Amino acid sequence: MRAPIEKAVKPIGDRLRRTRLTPDHLTVAGLVVAALAAVAIGLGWFALGLLLVVLAALPDLLDGALAKASNSSSQRGAFFDSVIDRVTDALLFGGVAWYFASEESPHLTILPMAVALMSGVISYQRAKAESLGLSAKGGLMERAERIILLCLGLLFPVVLIPVMWIMLVLVTLTAVQRFVKVWKQAAVAPITAARIEKRRSRRQSRRTARIDRRAQFLRDRRRAR
């Protein structure tokens, strides 16, 4: 569903480009809303928590569209967005853990924390694989699927605990999937230092090209004024 969604939000990114907002502004806004969602979930206000989780997901969806529309995609922005995603996940599952500790059994707090831990493992696998020139994308339970399942649990609180168990199983399977995928790639195509350096050089070239395009874009805007 990623391609049609990106196509649908592209016009919104074009409109946001006319404002003074930057992708980083949207990323920070999503983090703030996610923190409020975590508080609402921890207090057991699931309807409000669900609404805030959905609202927190919107900036995360639109910051990429804005970055593409304004030609401001960068390694710094990608790094910032990725880190904030991990913090957001920790906040949301921390809110679930707080609710379990307050209203259910304290032992159940381990469940959302285990989901958050395995989610971090999934993200680390991708980051480490890409640093070695390999690919670790995909799997049963990526971030979008985790948010959707969490929203389902908030919409129907009676199934929140089963949903968290299902999520834990699926994120664990996803971690195994990615491990096997990278293991097989490394077995048939071992990465040498030279290939890693070549990949870094290509990244630097792309970064330089993006900087040049952005500079040209800003010059064109100044002339248009």
N, C-alpha and C. Protein backbone atom coordinates (compact mmCIF):
# COMPACT_ATOMS: atom_id res chain seq x y z
N MET A 1 0.81 -1.21 0.00
CA MET A 1 0.00 0.00 0.00
C MET A 1 0.85 1.26 0.00
N ARG A 2 2.18 1.11 0.11
CA ARG A 2 3.03 2.29 0.25
C ARG A 2 2.96 3.21 -0.98
N ALA A 3 3.03 2.61 -2.18
CA ALA A 3 3.05 3.42 -3.40
C ALA A 3 1.77 4.24 -3.58
N PRO A 4 0.57 3.65 -3.49
CA PRO A 4 -0.64 4.46 -3.64
C PRO A 4 -0.81 5.52 -2.57
N ILE A 5 -0.35 5.22 -1.33
CA ILE A 5 -0.45 6.22 -0.26
C ILE A 5 0.46 7.40 -0.56
N GLU A 6 1.69 7.12 -0.99
CA GLU A 6 2.61 8.21 -1.33
C GLU A 6 2.06 9.05 -2.48
N LYS A 7 1.42 8.39 -3.43
CA LYS A 7 0.82 9.12 -4.55
C LYS A 7 -0.32 10.00 -4.07
N ALA A 8 -1.11 9.50 -3.10
CA ALA A 8 -2.25 10.26 -2.60
C ALA A 8 -1.82 11.49 -1.81
N VAL A 9 -0.71 11.39 -1.04
CA VAL A 9 -0.29 12.52 -0.20
C VAL A 9 0.62 13.49 -0.93
N LYS A 10 1.02 13.17 -2.14
CA LYS A 10 1.91 14.06 -2.89
C LYS A 10 1.32 15.46 -3.07
N PRO A 11 0.01 15.60 -3.44
CA PRO A 11 -0.55 16.96 -3.56
C PRO A 11 -0.52 17.73 -2.25
N ILE A 12 -0.68 17.02 -1.12
CA ILE A 12 -0.63 17.69 0.17
C ILE A 12 0.77 18.21 0.43
N GLY A 13 1.77 17.42 0.05
CA GLY A 13 3.15 17.88 0.19
C GLY A 13 3.42 19.11 -0.63
N ASP A 14 2.83 19.18 -1.83
CA ASP A 14 3.00 20.36 -2.68
C ASP A 14 2.39 21.60 -2.02
N ARG A 15 1.24 21.42 -1.35
CA ARG A 15 0.60 22.56 -0.67
C ARG A 15 1.41 22.99 0.55
N LEU A 16 1.91 22.00 1.30
CA LEU A 16 2.71 22.33 2.48
C LEU A 16 4.00 23.05 2.11
N ARG A 17 4.48 22.80 0.90
CA ARG A 17 5.72 23.45 0.45
C ARG A 17 5.56 24.96 0.40
N ARG A 18 4.33 25.44 0.20
CA ARG A 18 4.10 26.88 0.10
C ARG A 18 4.10 27.55 1.48
N THR A 19 4.05 26.76 2.52
CA THR A 19 4.13 27.30 3.88
C THR A 19 5.60 27.36 4.31
N ARG A 20 5.82 27.80 5.53
CA ARG A 20 7.18 27.85 6.06
C ARG A 20 7.55 26.60 6.86
N LEU A 21 6.66 25.63 6.81
CA LEU A 21 6.93 24.38 7.52
C LEU A 21 8.06 23.60 6.85
N THR A 22 8.82 22.89 7.65
CA THR A 22 9.85 22.00 7.14
C THR A 22 9.50 20.57 7.57
N PRO A 23 10.07 19.56 6.93
CA PRO A 23 9.82 18.19 7.37
C PRO A 23 10.15 17.96 8.84
N ASP A 24 11.18 18.62 9.34
CA ASP A 24 11.54 18.47 10.75
C ASP A 24 10.44 18.99 11.66
N HIS A 25 9.77 20.07 11.26
CA HIS A 25 8.66 20.59 12.05
C HIS A 25 7.56 19.55 12.19
N LEU A 26 7.24 18.89 11.09
CA LEU A 26 6.21 17.85 11.12
C LEU A 26 6.63 16.67 11.98
N THR A 27 7.91 16.30 11.89
CA THR A 27 8.42 15.18 12.68
C THR A 27 8.30 15.47 14.17
N VAL A 28 8.68 16.69 14.58
CA VAL A 28 8.58 17.07 15.99
C VAL A 28 7.13 17.13 16.44
N ALA A 29 6.25 17.64 15.57
CA ALA A 29 4.82 17.69 15.90
C ALA A 29 4.28 16.29 16.14
N GLY A 30 4.68 15.35 15.31
CA GLY A 30 4.24 13.96 15.50
C GLY A 30 4.72 13.40 16.82
N LEU A 31 5.95 13.75 17.23
CA LEU A 31 6.49 13.27 18.50
C LEU A 31 5.68 13.81 19.67
N VAL A 32 5.33 15.10 19.61
CA VAL A 32 4.56 15.72 20.70
C VAL A 32 3.18 15.06 20.82
N VAL A 33 2.52 14.86 19.69
CA VAL A 33 1.20 14.23 19.71
C VAL A 33 1.31 12.78 20.22
N ALA A 34 2.37 12.09 19.83
CA ALA A 34 2.57 10.71 20.30
C ALA A 34 2.76 10.67 21.82
N ALA A 35 3.46 11.67 22.36
CA ALA A 35 3.65 11.73 23.82
C ALA A 35 2.30 11.91 24.51
N LEU A 36 1.45 12.76 23.95
CA LEU A 36 0.10 12.95 24.51
C LEU A 36 -0.71 11.66 24.39
N ALA A 37 -0.55 10.96 23.27
CA ALA A 37 -1.25 9.69 23.08
C ALA A 37 -0.81 8.67 24.14
N ALA A 38 0.49 8.64 24.43
CA ALA A 38 1.00 7.71 25.44
C ALA A 38 0.39 8.00 26.81
N VAL A 39 0.27 9.28 27.14
CA VAL A 39 -0.35 9.65 28.42
C VAL A 39 -1.80 9.20 28.46
N ALA A 40 -2.54 9.46 27.37
CA ALA A 40 -3.95 9.07 27.31
C ALA A 40 -4.11 7.56 27.44
N ILE A 41 -3.26 6.80 26.76
CA ILE A 41 -3.33 5.34 26.85
C ILE A 41 -3.01 4.87 28.26
N GLY A 42 -1.98 5.46 28.86
CA GLY A 42 -1.61 5.08 30.22
C GLY A 42 -2.72 5.32 31.22
N LEU A 43 -3.54 6.36 30.98
CA LEU A 43 -4.65 6.67 31.88
C LEU A 43 -5.91 5.88 31.55
N GLY A 44 -5.84 5.09 30.47
CA GLY A 44 -7.01 4.29 30.10
C GLY A 44 -8.01 5.02 29.24
N TRP A 45 -7.66 6.19 28.72
CA TRP A 45 -8.56 6.96 27.85
C TRP A 45 -8.32 6.50 26.41
N PHE A 46 -8.82 5.32 26.08
CA PHE A 46 -8.47 4.69 24.82
C PHE A 46 -9.02 5.41 23.60
N ALA A 47 -10.22 5.97 23.70
CA ALA A 47 -10.79 6.70 22.56
C ALA A 47 -9.91 7.89 22.21
N LEU A 48 -9.52 8.66 23.22
CA LEU A 48 -8.63 9.80 22.98
C LEU A 48 -7.27 9.32 22.52
N GLY A 49 -6.78 8.24 23.12
CA GLY A 49 -5.49 7.69 22.71
C GLY A 49 -5.49 7.26 21.27
N LEU A 50 -6.57 6.62 20.84
CA LEU A 50 -6.68 6.19 19.44
C LEU A 50 -6.64 7.38 18.50
N LEU A 51 -7.41 8.42 18.83
CA LEU A 51 -7.42 9.63 18.00
C LEU A 51 -6.03 10.25 17.91
N LEU A 52 -5.34 10.32 19.04
CA LEU A 52 -4.01 10.94 19.05
C LEU A 52 -2.98 10.08 18.31
N VAL A 53 -3.11 8.76 18.39
CA VAL A 53 -2.19 7.89 17.65
C VAL A 53 -2.35 8.12 16.15
N VAL A 54 -3.60 8.23 15.70
CA VAL A 54 -3.86 8.49 14.29
C VAL A 54 -3.30 9.86 13.89
N LEU A 55 -3.52 10.86 14.74
CA LEU A 55 -3.00 12.20 14.45
C LEU A 55 -1.48 12.22 14.46
N ALA A 56 -0.85 11.42 15.32
CA ALA A 56 0.61 11.36 15.37
C ALA A 56 1.17 10.71 14.12
N ALA A 57 0.38 9.82 13.52
CA ALA A 57 0.86 9.14 12.31
C ALA A 57 0.82 10.05 11.09
N LEU A 58 -0.06 11.05 11.10
CA LEU A 58 -0.18 11.93 9.93
C LEU A 58 1.08 12.72 9.64
N PRO A 59 1.69 13.41 10.64
CA PRO A 59 2.94 14.11 10.34
C PRO A 59 4.03 13.18 9.83
N ASP A 60 4.07 11.96 10.37
CA ASP A 60 5.07 10.99 9.92
C ASP A 60 4.84 10.60 8.47
N LEU A 61 3.58 10.68 8.04
CA LEU A 61 3.25 10.36 6.65
C LEU A 61 3.55 11.55 5.73
N LEU A 62 3.33 12.75 6.25
CA LEU A 62 3.43 13.94 5.41
C LEU A 62 4.84 14.53 5.34
N ASP A 63 5.69 14.23 6.33
CA ASP A 63 7.02 14.84 6.29
C ASP A 63 7.82 14.38 5.08
N GLY A 64 7.63 13.11 4.71
CA GLY A 64 8.31 12.62 3.51
C GLY A 64 7.79 13.27 2.25
N ALA A 65 6.46 13.47 2.18
CA ALA A 65 5.87 14.13 1.01
C ALA A 65 6.35 15.57 0.91
N LEU A 66 6.46 16.25 2.06
CA LEU A 66 6.95 17.62 2.06
C LEU A 66 8.42 17.68 1.66
N ALA A 67 9.22 16.73 2.14
CA ALA A 67 10.64 16.71 1.79
C ALA A 67 10.82 16.53 0.29
N LYS A 68 10.02 15.66 -0.32
CA LYS A 68 10.13 15.44 -1.76
C LYS A 68 9.64 16.65 -2.53
N ALA A 69 8.53 17.25 -2.08
CA ALA A 69 7.97 18.40 -2.79
C ALA A 69 8.90 19.61 -2.74
N SER A 70 9.58 19.79 -1.60
CA SER A 70 10.47 20.93 -1.44
C SER A 70 11.91 20.60 -1.80
N ASN A 71 12.13 19.37 -2.27
CA ASN A 71 13.47 18.93 -2.67
C ASN A 71 14.48 19.11 -1.52
N SER A 72 14.01 18.78 -0.31
CA SER A 72 14.86 18.97 0.86
C SER A 72 15.21 17.65 1.55
N SER A 73 15.07 16.54 0.82
CA SER A 73 15.46 15.26 1.39
C SER A 73 16.96 15.25 1.68
N SER A 74 17.32 14.73 2.83
CA SER A 74 18.74 14.72 3.20
C SER A 74 19.00 13.55 4.14
N GLN A 75 20.26 13.23 4.30
CA GLN A 75 20.64 12.17 5.23
C GLN A 75 20.32 12.58 6.65
N ARG A 76 20.53 13.86 6.96
CA ARG A 76 20.22 14.34 8.31
C ARG A 76 18.73 14.18 8.61
N GLY A 77 17.88 14.55 7.64
CA GLY A 77 16.45 14.43 7.83
C GLY A 77 16.01 12.98 7.99
N ALA A 78 16.59 12.10 7.17
CA ALA A 78 16.25 10.68 7.26
C ALA A 78 16.68 10.11 8.62
N PHE A 79 17.86 10.52 9.10
CA PHE A 79 18.34 10.06 10.40
C PHE A 79 17.44 10.57 11.51
N PHE A 80 17.09 11.84 11.46
CA PHE A 80 16.23 12.45 12.49
C PHE A 80 14.87 11.76 12.52
N ASP A 81 14.29 11.55 11.35
CA ASP A 81 12.98 10.91 11.27
C ASP A 81 13.02 9.49 11.83
N SER A 82 14.07 8.75 11.51
CA SER A 82 14.19 7.37 11.99
C SER A 82 14.32 7.32 13.51
N VAL A 83 15.13 8.21 14.07
CA VAL A 83 15.31 8.23 15.53
C VAL A 83 13.99 8.58 16.22
N ILE A 84 13.29 9.58 15.69
CA ILE A 84 12.02 9.99 16.29
C ILE A 84 10.99 8.87 16.21
N ASP A 85 11.01 8.10 15.14
CA ASP A 85 10.11 6.94 15.03
C ASP A 85 10.36 5.96 16.17
N ARG A 86 11.63 5.72 16.49
CA ARG A 86 11.94 4.78 17.57
C ARG A 86 11.48 5.35 18.92
N VAL A 87 11.68 6.65 19.12
CA VAL A 87 11.23 7.28 20.37
C VAL A 87 9.71 7.22 20.48
N THR A 88 9.03 7.47 19.36
CA THR A 88 7.57 7.42 19.35
C THR A 88 7.07 6.03 19.72
N ASP A 89 7.68 5.00 19.14
CA ASP A 89 7.29 3.63 19.47
C ASP A 89 7.46 3.36 20.96
N ALA A 90 8.59 3.79 21.52
CA ALA A 90 8.85 3.58 22.94
C ALA A 90 7.80 4.27 23.80
N LEU A 91 7.40 5.48 23.41
CA LEU A 91 6.39 6.21 24.16
C LEU A 91 5.05 5.49 24.13
N LEU A 92 4.62 5.07 22.95
CA LEU A 92 3.31 4.44 22.81
C LEU A 92 3.24 3.12 23.58
N PHE A 93 4.25 2.28 23.41
CA PHE A 93 4.23 1.01 24.13
C PHE A 93 4.48 1.21 25.62
N GLY A 94 5.18 2.28 25.95
CA GLY A 94 5.33 2.62 27.36
C GLY A 94 4.00 3.00 27.97
N GLY A 95 3.15 3.70 27.19
CA GLY A 95 1.81 4.03 27.67
C GLY A 95 0.98 2.78 27.92
N VAL A 96 1.09 1.81 27.01
CA VAL A 96 0.37 0.55 27.20
C VAL A 96 0.88 -0.16 28.45
N ALA A 97 2.20 -0.17 28.65
CA ALA A 97 2.78 -0.81 29.84
C ALA A 97 2.28 -0.13 31.12
N TRP A 98 2.19 1.18 31.10
CA TRP A 98 1.70 1.91 32.28
C TRP A 98 0.26 1.53 32.59
N TYR A 99 -0.55 1.41 31.53
CA TYR A 99 -1.94 1.02 31.73
C TYR A 99 -2.03 -0.38 32.32
N PHE A 100 -1.24 -1.31 31.78
CA PHE A 100 -1.26 -2.68 32.31
C PHE A 100 -0.84 -2.70 33.77
N ALA A 101 0.17 -1.91 34.12
CA ALA A 101 0.64 -1.88 35.50
C ALA A 101 -0.41 -1.31 36.44
N SER A 102 -1.22 -0.37 35.93
CA SER A 102 -2.22 0.30 36.76
C SER A 102 -3.52 -0.47 36.86
N GLU A 103 -3.94 -1.07 35.74
CA GLU A 103 -5.27 -1.66 35.68
C GLU A 103 -5.27 -3.18 35.54
N GLU A 104 -4.19 -3.75 35.07
CA GLU A 104 -4.11 -5.20 34.89
C GLU A 104 -3.04 -5.76 35.83
N SER A 105 -2.39 -6.80 35.43
CA SER A 105 -1.31 -7.38 36.24
C SER A 105 0.01 -6.68 35.94
N PRO A 106 0.80 -6.35 36.97
CA PRO A 106 2.11 -5.73 36.73
C PRO A 106 3.00 -6.59 35.82
N HIS A 107 2.80 -7.90 35.86
CA HIS A 107 3.60 -8.78 35.02
C HIS A 107 3.35 -8.52 33.53
N LEU A 108 2.15 -8.01 33.19
CA LEU A 108 1.82 -7.77 31.79
C LEU A 108 2.61 -6.61 31.20
N THR A 109 3.26 -5.81 32.05
CA THR A 109 4.06 -4.71 31.51
C THR A 109 5.21 -5.23 30.65
N ILE A 110 5.61 -6.47 30.92
CA ILE A 110 6.69 -7.07 30.12
C ILE A 110 6.27 -7.22 28.67
N LEU A 111 4.97 -7.42 28.43
CA LEU A 111 4.47 -7.69 27.08
C LEU A 111 4.71 -6.52 26.12
N PRO A 112 4.20 -5.31 26.40
CA PRO A 112 4.48 -4.20 25.47
C PRO A 112 5.95 -3.82 25.43
N MET A 113 6.66 -4.00 26.54
CA MET A 113 8.09 -3.71 26.52
C MET A 113 8.84 -4.70 25.63
N ALA A 114 8.39 -5.96 25.62
CA ALA A 114 9.01 -6.96 24.73
C ALA A 114 8.73 -6.61 23.27
N VAL A 115 7.52 -6.13 22.99
CA VAL A 115 7.20 -5.69 21.62
C VAL A 115 8.12 -4.55 21.22
N ALA A 116 8.29 -3.56 22.11
CA ALA A 116 9.16 -2.42 21.81
C ALA A 116 10.60 -2.88 21.60
N LEU A 117 11.05 -3.84 22.41
CA LEU A 117 12.42 -4.35 22.29
C LEU A 117 12.63 -5.04 20.95
N MET A 118 11.70 -5.92 20.57
CA MET A 118 11.84 -6.63 19.30
C MET A 118 11.70 -5.68 18.11
N SER A 119 10.88 -4.64 18.27
CA SER A 119 10.77 -3.63 17.21
C SER A 119 12.12 -2.93 17.01
N GLY A 120 12.80 -2.67 18.12
CA GLY A 120 14.13 -2.08 18.02
C GLY A 120 15.13 -3.01 17.34
N VAL A 121 15.01 -4.31 17.60
CA VAL A 121 15.87 -5.29 16.94
C VAL A 121 15.64 -5.26 15.43
N ILE A 122 14.37 -5.18 15.03
CA ILE A 122 14.03 -5.13 13.60
C ILE A 122 14.68 -3.91 12.94
N SER A 123 14.58 -2.77 13.60
CA SER A 123 15.17 -1.55 13.05
C SER A 123 16.69 -1.65 12.98
N TYR A 124 17.29 -2.22 14.03
CA TYR A 124 18.74 -2.38 14.04
C TYR A 124 19.20 -3.30 12.91
N GLN A 125 18.47 -4.37 12.67
CA GLN A 125 18.85 -5.29 11.60
C GLN A 125 18.92 -4.56 10.26
N ARG A 126 17.93 -3.73 10.00
CA ARG A 126 17.93 -3.01 8.72
C ARG A 126 19.10 -2.04 8.65
N ALA A 127 19.30 -1.28 9.75
CA ALA A 127 20.39 -0.30 9.75
C ALA A 127 21.75 -0.97 9.58
N LYS A 128 21.98 -2.06 10.30
CA LYS A 128 23.27 -2.74 10.21
C LYS A 128 23.45 -3.36 8.83
N ALA A 129 22.39 -3.97 8.30
CA ALA A 129 22.50 -4.59 6.98
C ALA A 129 22.84 -3.54 5.92
N GLU A 130 22.17 -2.39 5.97
CA GLU A 130 22.43 -1.35 4.98
C GLU A 130 23.84 -0.78 5.12
N SER A 131 24.36 -0.73 6.35
CA SER A 131 25.73 -0.26 6.52
C SER A 131 26.74 -1.22 5.89
N LEU A 132 26.33 -2.48 5.71
CA LEU A 132 27.19 -3.49 5.08
C LEU A 132 26.89 -3.66 3.60
N GLY A 133 26.00 -2.82 3.08
CA GLY A 133 25.66 -2.91 1.67
C GLY A 133 24.64 -3.97 1.36
N LEU A 134 23.92 -4.46 2.36
CA LEU A 134 22.90 -5.49 2.17
C LEU A 134 21.51 -4.88 2.39
N SER A 135 20.49 -5.69 2.17
CA SER A 135 19.11 -5.23 2.32
C SER A 135 18.39 -6.08 3.35
N ALA A 136 17.66 -5.39 4.26
CA ALA A 136 16.89 -6.12 5.28
C ALA A 136 15.46 -5.58 5.35
N LYS A 137 14.98 -5.02 4.27
CA LYS A 137 13.62 -4.48 4.27
C LYS A 137 12.61 -5.62 4.26
N GLY A 138 11.36 -5.25 4.64
CA GLY A 138 10.26 -6.20 4.54
C GLY A 138 10.05 -6.99 5.82
N GLY A 139 9.11 -7.91 5.75
CA GLY A 139 8.75 -8.71 6.90
C GLY A 139 7.27 -8.58 7.22
N LEU A 140 6.79 -9.45 8.08
CA LEU A 140 5.37 -9.48 8.41
C LEU A 140 4.90 -8.25 9.17
N MET A 141 5.73 -7.73 10.06
CA MET A 141 5.27 -6.70 10.99
C MET A 141 6.26 -5.54 11.04
N GLU A 142 6.12 -4.62 10.07
CA GLU A 142 6.91 -3.40 10.09
C GLU A 142 6.17 -2.34 10.90
N ARG A 143 6.69 -1.12 10.91
CA ARG A 143 6.14 -0.11 11.82
C ARG A 143 4.68 0.21 11.51
N ALA A 144 4.34 0.34 10.25
CA ALA A 144 2.95 0.69 9.91
C ALA A 144 1.98 -0.37 10.41
N GLU A 145 2.36 -1.65 10.26
CA GLU A 145 1.50 -2.72 10.74
C GLU A 145 1.38 -2.71 12.26
N ARG A 146 2.46 -2.35 12.94
CA ARG A 146 2.39 -2.28 14.41
C ARG A 146 1.43 -1.19 14.86
N ILE A 147 1.47 -0.05 14.19
CA ILE A 147 0.57 1.05 14.56
C ILE A 147 -0.88 0.66 14.29
N ILE A 148 -1.12 -0.02 13.17
CA ILE A 148 -2.48 -0.44 12.84
C ILE A 148 -3.01 -1.42 13.89
N LEU A 149 -2.18 -2.39 14.28
CA LEU A 149 -2.61 -3.35 15.30
C LEU A 149 -2.86 -2.67 16.64
N LEU A 150 -2.00 -1.71 17.00
CA LEU A 150 -2.20 -0.97 18.24
C LEU A 150 -3.52 -0.21 18.21
N CYS A 151 -3.81 0.41 17.08
CA CYS A 151 -5.09 1.14 16.94
C CYS A 151 -6.27 0.18 17.10
N LEU A 152 -6.14 -1.03 16.58
CA LEU A 152 -7.20 -2.03 16.73
C LEU A 152 -7.42 -2.36 18.20
N GLY A 153 -6.33 -2.52 18.94
CA GLY A 153 -6.45 -2.80 20.36
C GLY A 153 -7.07 -1.65 21.14
N LEU A 154 -6.78 -0.41 20.73
CA LEU A 154 -7.37 0.75 21.40
C LEU A 154 -8.84 0.91 21.04
N LEU A 155 -9.18 0.53 19.82
CA LEU A 155 -10.57 0.64 19.39
C LEU A 155 -11.45 -0.37 20.12
N PHE A 156 -10.90 -1.56 20.36
CA PHE A 156 -11.62 -2.61 21.08
C PHE A 156 -10.76 -3.03 22.27
N PRO A 157 -10.85 -2.29 23.38
CA PRO A 157 -9.96 -2.56 24.54
C PRO A 157 -10.02 -3.98 25.06
N VAL A 158 -11.12 -4.67 24.84
CA VAL A 158 -11.25 -6.04 25.34
C VAL A 158 -10.23 -6.97 24.68
N VAL A 159 -9.75 -6.61 23.48
CA VAL A 159 -8.78 -7.46 22.79
C VAL A 159 -7.37 -6.87 22.84
N LEU A 160 -7.15 -5.86 23.68
CA LEU A 160 -5.84 -5.22 23.71
C LEU A 160 -4.74 -6.19 24.11
N ILE A 161 -4.99 -7.01 25.13
CA ILE A 161 -3.97 -7.97 25.56
C ILE A 161 -3.70 -9.02 24.48
N PRO A 162 -4.74 -9.65 23.89
CA PRO A 162 -4.46 -10.59 22.78
C PRO A 162 -3.74 -9.92 21.61
N VAL A 163 -4.10 -8.68 21.32
CA VAL A 163 -3.44 -7.96 20.23
C VAL A 163 -1.95 -7.80 20.52
N MET A 164 -1.61 -7.49 21.75
CA MET A 164 -0.20 -7.34 22.10
C MET A 164 0.55 -8.67 21.99
N TRP A 165 -0.10 -9.77 22.36
CA TRP A 165 0.53 -11.08 22.19
C TRP A 165 0.75 -11.40 20.72
N ILE A 166 -0.27 -11.11 19.90
CA ILE A 166 -0.15 -11.34 18.45
C ILE A 166 0.98 -10.49 17.88
N MET A 167 1.06 -9.24 18.32
CA MET A 167 2.10 -8.35 17.82
C MET A 167 3.48 -8.86 18.21
N LEU A 168 3.62 -9.36 19.42
CA LEU A 168 4.91 -9.87 19.87
C LEU A 168 5.35 -11.06 19.01
N VAL A 169 4.42 -11.95 18.74
CA VAL A 169 4.74 -13.10 17.89
C VAL A 169 5.16 -12.65 16.50
N LEU A 170 4.42 -11.69 15.93
CA LEU A 170 4.70 -11.26 14.56
C LEU A 170 5.99 -10.46 14.45
N VAL A 171 6.29 -9.62 15.44
CA VAL A 171 7.56 -8.87 15.36
C VAL A 171 8.74 -9.83 15.54
N THR A 172 8.56 -10.86 16.35
CA THR A 172 9.62 -11.85 16.51
C THR A 172 9.85 -12.61 15.21
N LEU A 173 8.77 -13.00 14.54
CA LEU A 173 8.89 -13.66 13.24
C LEU A 173 9.54 -12.74 12.22
N THR A 174 9.21 -11.45 12.28
CA THR A 174 9.82 -10.48 11.36
C THR A 174 11.32 -10.37 11.59
N ALA A 175 11.72 -10.37 12.86
CA ALA A 175 13.16 -10.33 13.18
C ALA A 175 13.86 -11.56 12.63
N VAL A 176 13.21 -12.72 12.75
CA VAL A 176 13.79 -13.95 12.21
C VAL A 176 13.86 -13.88 10.69
N GLN A 177 12.79 -13.38 10.05
CA GLN A 177 12.78 -13.23 8.59
C GLN A 177 13.95 -12.37 8.12
N ARG A 178 14.14 -11.23 8.76
CA ARG A 178 15.21 -10.32 8.34
C ARG A 178 16.58 -10.94 8.58
N PHE A 179 16.73 -11.64 9.70
CA PHE A 179 18.02 -12.28 9.97
C PHE A 179 18.36 -13.29 8.88
N VAL A 180 17.39 -14.13 8.53
CA VAL A 180 17.62 -15.14 7.50
C VAL A 180 17.92 -14.48 6.16
N LYS A 181 17.18 -13.40 5.85
CA LYS A 181 17.38 -12.70 4.58
C LYS A 181 18.80 -12.16 4.47
N VAL A 182 19.27 -11.49 5.52
CA VAL A 182 20.62 -10.92 5.50
C VAL A 182 21.66 -12.03 5.53
N TRP A 183 21.42 -13.08 6.31
CA TRP A 183 22.37 -14.20 6.40
C TRP A 183 22.61 -14.82 5.03
N LYS A 184 21.52 -15.01 4.27
CA LYS A 184 21.65 -15.60 2.94
C LYS A 184 22.39 -14.67 1.99
N GLN A 185 22.11 -13.38 2.07
CA GLN A 185 22.81 -12.43 1.20
C GLN A 185 24.30 -12.42 1.50
N ALA A 186 24.64 -12.42 2.79
CA ALA A 186 26.05 -12.39 3.17
C ALA A 186 26.77 -13.67 2.77
N ALA A 187 26.04 -14.78 2.73
CA ALA A 187 26.67 -16.06 2.39
C ALA A 187 27.05 -16.13 0.91
N VAL A 188 26.21 -15.56 0.05
CA VAL A 188 26.47 -15.66 -1.39
C VAL A 188 27.23 -14.46 -1.93
N ALA A 189 27.23 -13.38 -1.19
CA ALA A 189 27.91 -12.17 -1.68
C ALA A 189 28.57 -11.46 -0.51
N PRO A 190 29.68 -12.00 0.02
CA PRO A 190 30.37 -11.36 1.14
C PRO A 190 30.82 -9.95 0.78
N ILE A 191 30.63 -9.05 1.71
CA ILE A 191 30.94 -7.63 1.47
C ILE A 191 32.37 -7.34 1.89
N THR A 192 33.14 -6.81 0.99
CA THR A 192 34.53 -6.45 1.27
C THR A 192 34.61 -4.98 1.65
N ALA A 193 35.74 -4.60 2.22
CA ALA A 193 35.94 -3.20 2.61
C ALA A 193 35.84 -2.28 1.40
N ALA A 194 36.34 -2.77 0.26
CA ALA A 194 36.30 -1.94 -0.95
C ALA A 194 34.86 -1.66 -1.38
N ARG A 195 33.99 -2.68 -1.31
CA ARG A 195 32.61 -2.49 -1.71
C ARG A 195 31.88 -1.56 -0.75
N ILE A 196 32.19 -1.68 0.54
CA ILE A 196 31.59 -0.77 1.52
C ILE A 196 32.01 0.66 1.23
N GLU A 197 33.29 0.86 0.92
CA GLU A 197 33.79 2.20 0.61
C GLU A 197 33.14 2.73 -0.66
N LYS A 198 32.93 1.85 -1.63
CA LYS A 198 32.27 2.25 -2.88
C LYS A 198 30.84 2.71 -2.61
N ARG A 199 30.15 2.00 -1.74
CA ARG A 199 28.79 2.37 -1.39
C ARG A 199 28.76 3.72 -0.68
N ARG A 200 29.71 3.94 0.22
CA ARG A 200 29.78 5.22 0.91
C ARG A 200 30.04 6.35 -0.07
N SER A 201 30.89 6.07 -1.07
CA SER A 201 31.18 7.08 -2.08
C SER A 201 29.94 7.44 -2.88
N ARG A 202 29.12 6.42 -3.22
CA ARG A 202 27.89 6.69 -3.95
C ARG A 202 26.93 7.52 -3.11
N ARG A 203 26.87 7.20 -1.81
CA ARG A 203 26.00 7.98 -0.93
C ARG A 203 26.44 9.44 -0.88
N GLN A 204 27.76 9.65 -0.79
CA GLN A 204 28.28 11.01 -0.74
C GLN A 204 27.97 11.74 -2.03
N SER A 205 28.06 11.05 -3.15
CA SER A 205 27.76 11.67 -4.44
C SER A 205 26.29 12.08 -4.52
N ARG A 206 25.40 11.18 -4.03
CA ARG A 206 23.98 11.51 -4.04
C ARG A 206 23.69 12.68 -3.11
N ARG A 207 24.38 12.70 -1.96
CA ARG A 207 24.17 13.82 -1.03
C ARG A 207 24.62 15.13 -1.66
N THR A 208 25.77 15.12 -2.33
CA THR A 208 26.24 16.33 -2.99
C THR A 208 25.27 16.79 -4.07
N ALA A 209 24.73 15.82 -4.82
CA ALA A 209 23.76 16.16 -5.87
C ALA A 209 22.50 16.78 -5.28
N ARG A 210 22.02 16.24 -4.13
CA ARG A 210 20.83 16.81 -3.48
C ARG A 210 21.09 18.22 -3.01
N ILE A 211 22.28 18.44 -2.44
CA ILE A 211 22.63 19.79 -1.97
C ILE A 211 22.65 20.76 -3.15
N ASP A 212 23.22 20.32 -4.25
CA ASP A 212 23.28 21.17 -5.44
C ASP A 212 21.88 21.49 -5.96
N ARG A 213 21.01 20.47 -5.98
CA ARG A 213 19.64 20.70 -6.45
C ARG A 213 18.90 21.66 -5.53
N ARG A 214 19.10 21.50 -4.24
CA ARG A 214 18.43 22.40 -3.30
C ARG A 214 18.94 23.83 -3.48
N ALA A 215 20.26 23.99 -3.65
CA ALA A 215 20.81 25.33 -3.86
C ALA A 215 20.25 25.96 -5.12
N GLN A 216 20.13 25.15 -6.19
CA GLN A 216 19.56 25.66 -7.43
C GLN A 216 18.10 26.04 -7.24
N PHE A 217 17.36 25.21 -6.46
CA PHE A 217 15.96 25.49 -6.19
C PHE A 217 15.80 26.82 -5.46
N LEU A 218 16.67 27.06 -4.44
CA LEU A 218 16.60 28.32 -3.70
C LEU A 218 16.95 29.51 -4.58
N ARG A 219 17.95 29.33 -5.48
CA ARG A 219 18.29 30.42 -6.39
C ARG A 219 17.13 30.74 -7.33
N ASP A 220 16.48 29.69 -7.82
CA ASP A 220 15.33 29.90 -8.70
C ASP A 220 14.19 30.61 -7.99
N ARG A 221 13.99 30.29 -6.73
CA ARG A 221 12.92 30.96 -5.95
C ARG A 221 13.25 32.45 -5.77
N ARG A 222 14.52 32.72 -5.50
CA ARG A 222 14.90 34.13 -5.30
C ARG A 222 14.68 34.92 -6.61
N ARG A 223 15.04 34.30 -7.75
CA ARG A 223 14.82 34.99 -9.01
C ARG A 223 13.33 35.21 -9.28
N ALA A 224 12.52 34.20 -8.89
CA ALA A 224 11.07 34.32 -9.12
C ALA A 224 10.47 35.46 -8.33
N ARG A 225 11.03 35.76 -7.18
CA ARG A 225 10.53 36.86 -6.35
C ARG A 225 10.88 38.22 -6.96
